[in-house]
Amino acid sequence: MRAQDLDTLLADLTSGDDARAEAAVPALVALGETAFPALRRLLASEDADHRWWAVRVLSQHPSPPVEWIARALEDPSADVRQCAALGLCAHPSEENIPALIRALSDADSMVSDLAARALASIGEAAVPALLEVLEKAPQLARINAMRALSEIADPRAIPAMMKALDGDSLMMRHWAEEGLKRLKLDMVFLKPD
């Protein structure tokens, strides 16, 4: 592909026209690593829309530099952080666990929700960090951590799930019950009178 073609695709991506930008995404993905330097520059743009589209393209790539997407979890724009968290759902990687754990405490509830989904997609490797969140994080982060643990259904989470059943939070209890069901332990939490 010629540099002019790449420039045209980047112009479409940053045009402010969502239809043109979306049409450029698959073509930029098809360029593979050739487009990475330009996308990296867009990630540093002052324009949040440009950063969002750069994360969008990287998230669609089959083998993106996931650390670039993970860094976008700390972007000042909630939209960019949401896009990054969603992108990491499609690219589960243990190296992103610390960034995703921090994102569970994001002020934007959608970022926290998507970070939990991304952690669940990583699976068992995320369990120790998620269990730590249950001990010391804000309430929304704890709820989303319990949701991720319920989706992972790792036996190491059973004590935390059992403890949540006695807690005050209806959401924590709900996700603990769901996790115990997935672990085929749903009858255990019924206490006789």
Foldseek 3Di string as FASTA:
>chain_A
DDPVVLVVLLCQLPVPDVVSNVVSLVVLLVVPPVCVVVLLVQCVDPDVSSVQSSLQSQLPHPDHPLVSLLVQCPPPDPSSVLSSLQSLLSVADLVSLVSLLVQCQDPDLSSNLSSLSSLLSNAPSNVVSLVVCCVDPDPSSVLSSLLSLLSNLDPVCLVVLLVQCPDDDPSSVVSSLSSCVVVVNNVVNDDDD
